[in-house]
Amino acid sequence: MPVIAPLTSDPSPAASAGLIPGPAHPIPWRALLGDVLLDGDSWSALAGMTQVRRCQAGELAIRRGDAAVAMLALCEGKVAARGPLTGPHWLDLHTAWLEGRYEEDVGVVSASALVMVWPMSVATMWLRSQPLVLEALVRVSSAQMRDAQDAIRGLTMKDATGRVAAWLLAQAGAAQELQLAERKRDVAAQLSISPETLSRTLRQLADRGVVAVRGYRIGLLDRVELLALARGR
């Protein structure tokens, strides 16, 4: 992996002190850690202790039951576990800290995916001298915990229609249409409803002109109404 030299054209105090943001390739550290500034030697050390592997479509980026010995991140590509995930994004940041085993399969659904492996055997010792990186990891873990709590609240407080509406909005993002990367029964399991309930809810939304369902492609026709349903109105 290439060594990133300190920038010399930036007159900012951080640059003059030899501090630079994380390189974007092959590991997008800025996306994974946020705005962390380290010196060139620290970034080089981090690059030296991490590995990058290319996974092809259909391969498992994470295998359920395997011992968690590393922190894993998706640098590029798309995977599916409980839901679709597009890189850059952490795949599993917590299990290795608990010395546990991965709890679910994570399969590659794009043509290929680039996965970063950060072994705990070298990470823990290095992080003791890197408070900024450790703080960034805690911040990411806290955000993931908050998102998980929000998801649990959504499942316990919303009816099936509200859950499906919220899920559609989250999966589509700014797009007007989404392509399901998973089987409908897997989507139903994420929402804690039956596949029959999912299909019935989608039909009802289509009958109301809120969505258009064409196989595994779903068009969002009325975002305002979807948002109202997601909020329980």
C-alpha atoms as a PDB file:
ATOM      1  CA  MET A   1       0.000   0.000   0.000  1.00  0.00           C
ATOM      2  CA  PRO A   2       1.299   3.460  -0.837  1.00  0.00           C
ATOM      3  CA  VAL A   3       2.710   5.703   1.840  1.00  0.00           C
ATOM      4  CA  ILE A   4       0.859   9.008   2.057  1.00  0.00           C
ATOM      5  CA  ALA A   5       3.288  11.880   2.451  1.00  0.00           C
ATOM      6  CA  PRO A   6       2.336  15.029   4.383  1.00  0.00           C
ATOM      7  CA  LEU A   7       0.803  17.771   2.241  1.00  0.00           C
ATOM      8  CA  THR A   8       3.073  20.781   1.805  1.00  0.00           C
ATOM      9  CA  SER A   9       0.731  23.124  -0.064  1.00  0.00           C
ATOM     10  CA  ASP A  10      -1.790  23.527   2.752  1.00  0.00           C
ATOM     11  CA  PRO A  11      -0.902  26.488   4.986  1.00  0.00           C
ATOM     12  CA  SER A  12      -3.233  25.396   7.794  1.00  0.00           C
ATOM     13  CA  PRO A  13      -1.789  24.748  11.296  1.00  0.00           C
ATOM     14  CA  ALA A  14      -2.588  21.046  10.951  1.00  0.00           C
ATOM     15  CA  ALA A  15      -0.581  20.782   7.735  1.00  0.00           C
ATOM     16  CA  SER A  16       2.325  22.754   9.127  1.00  0.00           C
ATOM     17  CA  ALA A  17       2.440  20.335  12.037  1.00  0.00           C
ATOM     18  CA  GLY A  18       2.682  17.415   9.609  1.00  0.00           C
ATOM     19  CA  LEU A  19      -0.894  16.241  10.164  1.00  0.00           C
ATOM     20  CA  ILE A  20      -2.972  15.050   7.234  1.00  0.00           C
ATOM     21  CA  PRO A  21      -6.437  13.496   6.776  1.00  0.00           C
ATOM     22  CA  GLY A  22      -6.758   9.835   5.986  1.00  0.00           C
ATOM     23  CA  PRO A  23      -6.160   8.678   2.408  1.00  0.00           C
ATOM     24  CA  ALA A  24      -9.224   7.823   0.350  1.00  0.00           C
ATOM     25  CA  HIS A  25      -7.770   4.737  -1.399  1.00  0.00           C
ATOM     26  CA  PRO A  26      -7.556   1.842  -1.155  1.00  0.00           C
ATOM     27  CA  ILE A  27      -9.114   2.188   2.304  1.00  0.00           C
ATOM     28  CA  PRO A  28     -11.443   5.217   2.651  1.00  0.00           C
ATOM     29  CA  TRP A  29     -10.374   6.185   6.151  1.00  0.00           C
ATOM     30  CA  ARG A  30     -12.067   9.587   5.966  1.00  0.00           C
ATOM     31  CA  ALA A  31     -15.423   7.882   5.482  1.00  0.00           C
ATOM     32  CA  LEU A  32     -14.748   5.243   8.145  1.00  0.00           C
ATOM     33  CA  LEU A  33     -13.166   7.381  10.876  1.00  0.00           C
ATOM     34  CA  GLY A  34     -14.348  10.891  10.077  1.00  0.00           C
ATOM     35  CA  ASP A  35     -12.090  13.940  10.227  1.00  0.00           C
ATOM     36  CA  VAL A  36      -9.120  12.388  12.015  1.00  0.00           C
ATOM     37  CA  LEU A  37      -5.753  14.074  11.448  1.00  0.00           C
ATOM     38  CA  LEU A  38      -2.611  11.999  11.915  1.00  0.00           C
ATOM     39  CA  ASP A  39       0.965  12.306  10.767  1.00  0.00           C
ATOM     40  CA  GLY A  40       2.278  10.402   7.769  1.00  0.00           C
ATOM     41  CA  ASP A  41       4.007   7.764   9.902  1.00  0.00           C
ATOM     42  CA  SER A  42       0.775   6.955  11.719  1.00  0.00           C
ATOM     43  CA  TRP A  43      -1.153   6.536   8.471  1.00  0.00           C
ATOM     44  CA  SER A  44       1.652   4.348   7.135  1.00  0.00           C
ATOM     45  CA  ALA A  45       1.554   2.208  10.283  1.00  0.00           C
ATOM     46  CA  LEU A  46      -2.196   1.844   9.940  1.00  0.00           C
ATOM     47  CA  ALA A  47      -1.853   0.834   6.299  1.00  0.00           C
ATOM     48  CA  GLY A  48       0.770  -1.737   7.269  1.00  0.00           C
ATOM     49  CA  MET A  49      -1.442  -3.513   9.809  1.00  0.00           C
ATOM     50  CA  THR A  50      -4.589  -3.690   7.667  1.00  0.00           C
ATOM     51  CA  GLN A  51      -5.376  -6.025   4.799  1.00  0.00           C
ATOM     52  CA  VAL A  52      -7.672  -5.579   1.816  1.00  0.00           C
ATOM     53  CA  ARG A  53      -9.358  -8.477   0.045  1.00  0.00           C
ATOM     54  CA  ARG A  54     -11.521  -8.562  -3.060  1.00  0.00           C
ATOM     55  CA  CYS A  55     -14.720 -10.622  -2.815  1.00  0.00           C
ATOM     56  CA  GLN A  56     -16.776 -11.589  -5.857  1.00  0.00           C
ATOM     57  CA  ALA A  57     -20.557 -11.655  -6.200  1.00  0.00           C
ATOM     58  CA  GLY A  58     -22.066 -14.479  -4.147  1.00  0.00           C
ATOM     59  CA  GLU A  59     -19.064 -14.797  -1.822  1.00  0.00           C
ATOM     60  CA  LEU A  60     -19.377 -14.233   1.907  1.00  0.00           C
ATOM     61  CA  ALA A  61     -17.619 -11.185   3.299  1.00  0.00           C
ATOM     62  CA  ILE A  62     -18.477 -12.518   6.767  1.00  0.00           C
ATOM     63  CA  ARG A  63     -19.354 -16.115   7.593  1.00  0.00           C
ATOM     64  CA  ARG A  64     -21.673 -16.814  10.497  1.00  0.00           C
ATOM     65  CA  GLY A  65     -19.965 -18.720  13.315  1.00  0.00           C
ATOM     66  CA  ASP A  66     -16.407 -17.735  12.383  1.00  0.00           C
ATOM     67  CA  ALA A  67     -14.279 -16.408  15.232  1.00  0.00           C
ATOM     68  CA  ALA A  68     -14.195 -12.605  15.179  1.00  0.00           C
ATOM     69  CA  VAL A  69     -10.492 -11.755  15.171  1.00  0.00           C
ATOM     70  CA  ALA A  70     -10.620  -8.493  13.214  1.00  0.00           C
ATOM     71  CA  MET A  71     -12.609  -5.323  12.660  1.00  0.00           C
ATOM     72  CA  LEU A  72     -14.117  -5.412   9.167  1.00  0.00           C
ATOM     73  CA  ALA A  73     -15.146  -2.598   6.838  1.00  0.00           C
ATOM     74  CA  LEU A  74     -16.647  -2.475   3.369  1.00  0.00           C
ATOM     75  CA  CYS A  75     -14.469  -0.141   1.294  1.00  0.00           C
ATOM     76  CA  GLU A  76     -16.514  -0.416  -1.901  1.00  0.00           C
ATOM     77  CA  GLY A  77     -19.304  -2.549  -3.299  1.00  0.00           C
ATOM     78  CA  LYS A  78     -22.584  -3.759  -1.854  1.00  0.00           C
ATOM     79  CA  VAL A  79     -23.427  -6.559   0.572  1.00  0.00           C
ATOM     80  CA  ALA A  80     -26.587  -7.941   2.153  1.00  0.00           C
ATOM     81  CA  ALA A  81     -27.140  -9.254   5.665  1.00  0.00           C
ATOM     82  CA  ARG A  82     -30.195  -8.044   7.571  1.00  0.00           C
ATOM     83  CA  GLY A  83     -30.397  -5.384   4.913  1.00  0.00           C
ATOM     84  CA  PRO A  84     -28.388  -4.048   1.957  1.00  0.00           C
ATOM     85  CA  LEU A  85     -25.249  -2.078   2.772  1.00  0.00           C
ATOM     86  CA  THR A  86     -23.156  -0.015   0.371  1.00  0.00           C
ATOM     87  CA  GLY A  87     -19.543   0.915   1.049  1.00  0.00           C
ATOM     88  CA  PRO A  88     -17.747   2.688   2.470  1.00  0.00           C
ATOM     89  CA  HIS A  89     -19.189   1.452   5.745  1.00  0.00           C
ATOM     90  CA  TRP A  90     -18.104  -0.597   8.736  1.00  0.00           C
ATOM     91  CA  LEU A  91     -19.282  -4.196   8.412  1.00  0.00           C
ATOM     92  CA  ASP A  92     -18.479  -5.319  11.944  1.00  0.00           C
ATOM     93  CA  LEU A  93     -16.762  -3.088  14.448  1.00  0.00           C
ATOM     94  CA  HIS A  94     -17.786  -4.597  17.780  1.00  0.00           C
ATOM     95  CA  THR A  95     -17.701  -8.411  17.699  1.00  0.00           C
ATOM     96  CA  ALA A  96     -13.909  -8.725  17.676  1.00  0.00           C
ATOM     97  CA  TRP A  97     -13.666  -6.484  20.757  1.00  0.00           C
ATOM     98  CA  LEU A  98     -15.922  -8.967  22.567  1.00  0.00           C
ATOM     99  CA  GLU A  99     -13.869 -11.950  21.357  1.00  0.00           C
ATOM    100  CA  GLY A 100     -17.057 -13.478  20.013  1.00  0.00           C
ATOM    101  CA  ARG A 101     -18.197 -15.073  16.776  1.00  0.00           C
ATOM    102  CA  TYR A 102     -19.904 -13.399  13.857  1.00  0.00           C
ATOM    103  CA  GLU A 103     -23.662 -13.797  14.194  1.00  0.00           C
ATOM    104  CA  GLU A 104     -24.785 -13.653  10.569  1.00  0.00           C
ATOM    105  CA  ASP A 105     -23.650 -14.243   7.016  1.00  0.00           C
ATOM    106  CA  VAL A 106     -22.871 -11.152   4.981  1.00  0.00           C
ATOM    107  CA  GLY A 107     -22.930 -11.869   1.251  1.00  0.00           C
ATOM    108  CA  VAL A 108     -21.661  -9.781  -1.650  1.00  0.00           C
ATOM    109  CA  VAL A 109     -24.484  -8.706  -3.986  1.00  0.00           C
ATOM    110  CA  SER A 110     -22.532  -6.349  -6.266  1.00  0.00           C
ATOM    111  CA  ALA A 111     -20.178  -7.583  -8.984  1.00  0.00           C
ATOM    112  CA  SER A 112     -17.389  -7.422  -6.424  1.00  0.00           C
ATOM    113  CA  ALA A 113     -16.613  -5.825  -3.079  1.00  0.00           C
ATOM    114  CA  LEU A 114     -13.466  -4.604  -1.366  1.00  0.00           C
ATOM    115  CA  VAL A 115     -13.269  -5.575   2.309  1.00  0.00           C
ATOM    116  CA  MET A 116     -10.774  -4.191   4.825  1.00  0.00           C
ATOM    117  CA  VAL A 117      -9.553  -6.511   7.595  1.00  0.00           C
ATOM    118  CA  TRP A 118      -7.955  -4.939  10.693  1.00  0.00           C
ATOM    119  CA  PRO A 119      -6.679  -7.763  12.939  1.00  0.00           C
ATOM    120  CA  MET A 120      -7.177  -7.197  16.652  1.00  0.00           C
ATOM    121  CA  SER A 121      -3.814  -8.819  17.364  1.00  0.00           C
ATOM    122  CA  VAL A 122      -2.109  -5.664  16.091  1.00  0.00           C
ATOM    123  CA  ALA A 123      -4.900  -3.093  16.465  1.00  0.00           C
ATOM    124  CA  THR A 124      -5.275  -3.123  20.254  1.00  0.00           C
ATOM    125  CA  MET A 125      -1.638  -2.416  21.019  1.00  0.00           C
ATOM    126  CA  TRP A 126      -1.368   0.336  18.398  1.00  0.00           C
ATOM    127  CA  LEU A 127      -4.573   2.037  19.516  1.00  0.00           C
ATOM    128  CA  ARG A 128      -3.170   2.534  23.024  1.00  0.00           C
ATOM    129  CA  SER A 129      -0.919   5.225  21.562  1.00  0.00           C
ATOM    130  CA  GLN A 130      -3.554   6.638  19.196  1.00  0.00           C
ATOM    131  CA  PRO A 131      -6.297   8.350  21.251  1.00  0.00           C
ATOM    132  CA  LEU A 132      -7.690  10.201  18.220  1.00  0.00           C
ATOM    133  CA  VAL A 133      -8.299   6.991  16.289  1.00  0.00           C
ATOM    134  CA  LEU A 134      -9.699   5.249  19.355  1.00  0.00           C
ATOM    135  CA  GLU A 135     -12.059   8.181  19.945  1.00  0.00           C
ATOM    136  CA  ALA A 136     -13.216   7.967  16.322  1.00  0.00           C
ATOM    137  CA  LEU A 137     -13.967   4.244  16.707  1.00  0.00           C
ATOM    138  CA  VAL A 138     -15.971   4.915  19.871  1.00  0.00           C
ATOM    139  CA  ARG A 139     -17.906   7.614  18.047  1.00  0.00           C
ATOM    140  CA  VAL A 140     -18.761   5.242  15.186  1.00  0.00           C
ATOM    141  CA  SER A 141     -19.790   2.497  17.615  1.00  0.00           C
ATOM    142  CA  SER A 142     -22.008   4.936  19.492  1.00  0.00           C
ATOM    143  CA  ALA A 143     -23.705   6.019  16.258  1.00  0.00           C
ATOM    144  CA  GLN A 144     -24.332   2.381  15.351  1.00  0.00           C
ATOM    145  CA  MET A 145     -25.869   1.757  18.767  1.00  0.00           C
ATOM    146  CA  ARG A 146     -28.129   4.774  18.376  1.00  0.00           C
ATOM    147  CA  ASP A 147     -29.268   3.563  14.950  1.00  0.00           C
ATOM    148  CA  ALA A 148     -29.982   0.100  16.361  1.00  0.00           C
ATOM    149  CA  GLN A 149     -32.058   1.581  19.169  1.00  0.00           C
ATOM    150  CA  ASP A 150     -33.995   3.698  16.669  1.00  0.00           C
ATOM    151  CA  ALA A 151     -34.669   0.590  14.596  1.00  0.00           C
ATOM    152  CA  ILE A 152     -35.933  -1.304  17.646  1.00  0.00           C
ATOM    153  CA  ARG A 153     -38.235   1.569  18.573  1.00  0.00           C
ATOM    154  CA  GLY A 154     -39.527   1.651  15.032  1.00  0.00           C
ATOM    155  CA  LEU A 155     -40.369  -2.051  15.115  1.00  0.00           C
ATOM    156  CA  THR A 156     -42.133  -1.867  18.467  1.00  0.00           C
ATOM    157  CA  MET A 157     -44.096   1.356  17.906  1.00  0.00           C
ATOM    158  CA  LYS A 158     -45.159   1.141  14.235  1.00  0.00           C
ATOM    159  CA  ASP A 159     -47.706  -1.073  12.556  1.00  0.00           C
ATOM    160  CA  ALA A 160     -46.829  -3.084   9.444  1.00  0.00           C
ATOM    161  CA  THR A 161     -47.656  -0.233   7.073  1.00  0.00           C
ATOM    162  CA  GLY A 162     -45.497   2.210   9.021  1.00  0.00           C
ATOM    163  CA  ARG A 163     -42.587  -0.230   9.087  1.00  0.00           C
ATOM    164  CA  VAL A 164     -42.773  -0.886   5.355  1.00  0.00           C
ATOM    165  CA  ALA A 165     -43.078   2.831   4.553  1.00  0.00           C
ATOM    166  CA  ALA A 166     -40.070   3.719   6.719  1.00  0.00           C
ATOM    167  CA  TRP A 167     -38.045   0.880   5.206  1.00  0.00           C
ATOM    168  CA  LEU A 168     -38.849   1.942   1.648  1.00  0.00           C
ATOM    169  CA  LEU A 169     -37.782   5.527   2.331  1.00  0.00           C
ATOM    170  CA  ALA A 170     -34.571   4.432   4.025  1.00  0.00           C
ATOM    171  CA  GLN A 171     -33.616   2.017   1.250  1.00  0.00           C
ATOM    172  CA  ALA A 172     -34.436   4.370  -1.617  1.00  0.00           C
ATOM    173  CA  GLY A 173     -32.629   7.391  -0.185  1.00  0.00           C
ATOM    174  CA  ALA A 174     -32.919  10.191  -2.735  1.00  0.00           C
ATOM    175  CA  ALA A 175     -33.826   7.816  -5.585  1.00  0.00           C
ATOM    176  CA  GLN A 176     -37.352   7.522  -6.929  1.00  0.00           C
ATOM    177  CA  GLU A 177     -37.072   3.762  -7.316  1.00  0.00           C
ATOM    178  CA  LEU A 178     -35.307   0.930  -5.535  1.00  0.00           C
ATOM    179  CA  GLN A 179     -34.258  -2.526  -6.601  1.00  0.00           C
ATOM    180  CA  LEU A 180     -34.660  -5.163  -3.891  1.00  0.00           C
ATOM    181  CA  ALA A 181     -31.331  -6.906  -3.383  1.00  0.00           C
ATOM    182  CA  GLU A 182     -32.893  -9.531  -1.120  1.00  0.00           C
ATOM    183  CA  ARG A 183     -35.761 -11.958  -1.200  1.00  0.00           C
ATOM    184  CA  LYS A 184     -39.012 -10.522   0.085  1.00  0.00           C
ATOM    185  CA  ARG A 185     -39.066 -13.018   2.938  1.00  0.00           C
ATOM    186  CA  ASP A 186     -35.704 -11.682   4.101  1.00  0.00           C
ATOM    187  CA  VAL A 187     -37.048  -8.129   3.984  1.00  0.00           C
ATOM    188  CA  ALA A 188     -40.101  -9.261   5.960  1.00  0.00           C
ATOM    189  CA  ALA A 189     -37.841 -10.827   8.588  1.00  0.00           C
ATOM    190  CA  GLN A 190     -36.011  -7.506   9.003  1.00  0.00           C
ATOM    191  CA  LEU A 191     -39.336  -5.796   9.647  1.00  0.00           C
ATOM    192  CA  SER A 192     -40.606  -8.541  11.993  1.00  0.00           C
ATOM    193  CA  ILE A 193     -43.627  -9.240   9.801  1.00  0.00           C
ATOM    194  CA  SER A 194     -44.621 -12.242   7.707  1.00  0.00           C
ATOM    195  CA  PRO A 195     -43.886 -12.380   3.959  1.00  0.00           C
ATOM    196  CA  GLU A 196     -47.644 -12.444   3.371  1.00  0.00           C
ATOM    197  CA  THR A 197     -48.069  -9.239   5.372  1.00  0.00           C
ATOM    198  CA  LEU A 198     -45.283  -7.568   3.397  1.00  0.00           C
ATOM    199  CA  SER A 199     -46.852  -8.531   0.067  1.00  0.00           C
ATOM    200  CA  ARG A 200     -50.307  -7.422   1.222  1.00  0.00           C
ATOM    201  CA  THR A 201     -48.974  -4.078   2.493  1.00  0.00           C
ATOM    202  CA  LEU A 202     -47.158  -3.400  -0.788  1.00  0.00           C
ATOM    203  CA  ARG A 203     -50.346  -4.197  -2.725  1.00  0.00           C
ATOM    204  CA  GLN A 204     -52.341  -1.826  -0.538  1.00  0.00           C
ATOM    205  CA  LEU A 205     -49.784   0.953  -1.014  1.00  0.00           C
ATOM    206  CA  ALA A 206     -49.851   0.324  -4.766  1.00  0.00           C
ATOM    207  CA  ASP A 207     -53.657   0.430  -4.844  1.00  0.00           C
ATOM    208  CA  ARG A 208     -53.507   3.815  -3.111  1.00  0.00           C
ATOM    209  CA  GLY A 209     -51.048   5.127  -5.670  1.00  0.00           C
ATOM    210  CA  VAL A 210     -48.259   5.515  -3.097  1.00  0.00           C
ATOM    211  CA  VAL A 211     -45.866   3.037  -4.741  1.00  0.00           C
ATOM    212  CA  ALA A 212     -45.578   1.112  -7.991  1.00  0.00           C
ATOM    213  CA  VAL A 213     -44.444  -2.510  -7.653  1.00  0.00           C
ATOM    214  CA  ARG A 214     -42.886  -4.275 -10.632  1.00  0.00           C
ATOM    215  CA  GLY A 215     -41.385  -7.528  -9.418  1.00  0.00           C
ATOM    216  CA  TYR A 216     -38.355  -6.606  -7.323  1.00  0.00           C
ATOM    217  CA  ARG A 217     -38.428  -2.962  -8.430  1.00  0.00           C
ATOM    218  CA  ILE A 218     -40.487  -0.533  -6.350  1.00  0.00           C
ATOM    219  CA  GLY A 219     -41.146   3.018  -7.427  1.00  0.00           C
ATOM    220  CA  LEU A 220     -41.901   5.661  -4.798  1.00  0.00           C
ATOM    221  CA  LEU A 221     -44.772   7.706  -6.237  1.00  0.00           C
ATOM    222  CA  ASP A 222     -45.838   9.690  -3.159  1.00  0.00           C
ATOM    223  CA  ARG A 223     -43.014  10.367  -0.701  1.00  0.00           C
ATOM    224  CA  VAL A 224     -45.148  12.748   1.354  1.00  0.00           C
ATOM    225  CA  GLU A 225     -47.693  10.026   2.064  1.00  0.00           C
ATOM    226  CA  LEU A 226     -44.963   7.452   2.745  1.00  0.00           C
ATOM    227  CA  LEU A 227     -43.371   9.797   5.265  1.00  0.00           C
ATOM    228  CA  ALA A 228     -46.747  10.352   6.953  1.00  0.00           C
ATOM    229  CA  LEU A 229     -47.292   6.589   7.191  1.00  0.00           C
ATOM    230  CA  ALA A 230     -43.763   6.062   8.514  1.00  0.00           C
ATOM    231  CA  ARG A 231     -44.474   8.589  11.248  1.00  0.00           C
ATOM    232  CA  GLY A 232     -47.704   6.807  12.189  1.00  0.00           C
ATOM    233  CA  ARG A 233     -50.101   9.442  10.847  1.00  0.00           C
END
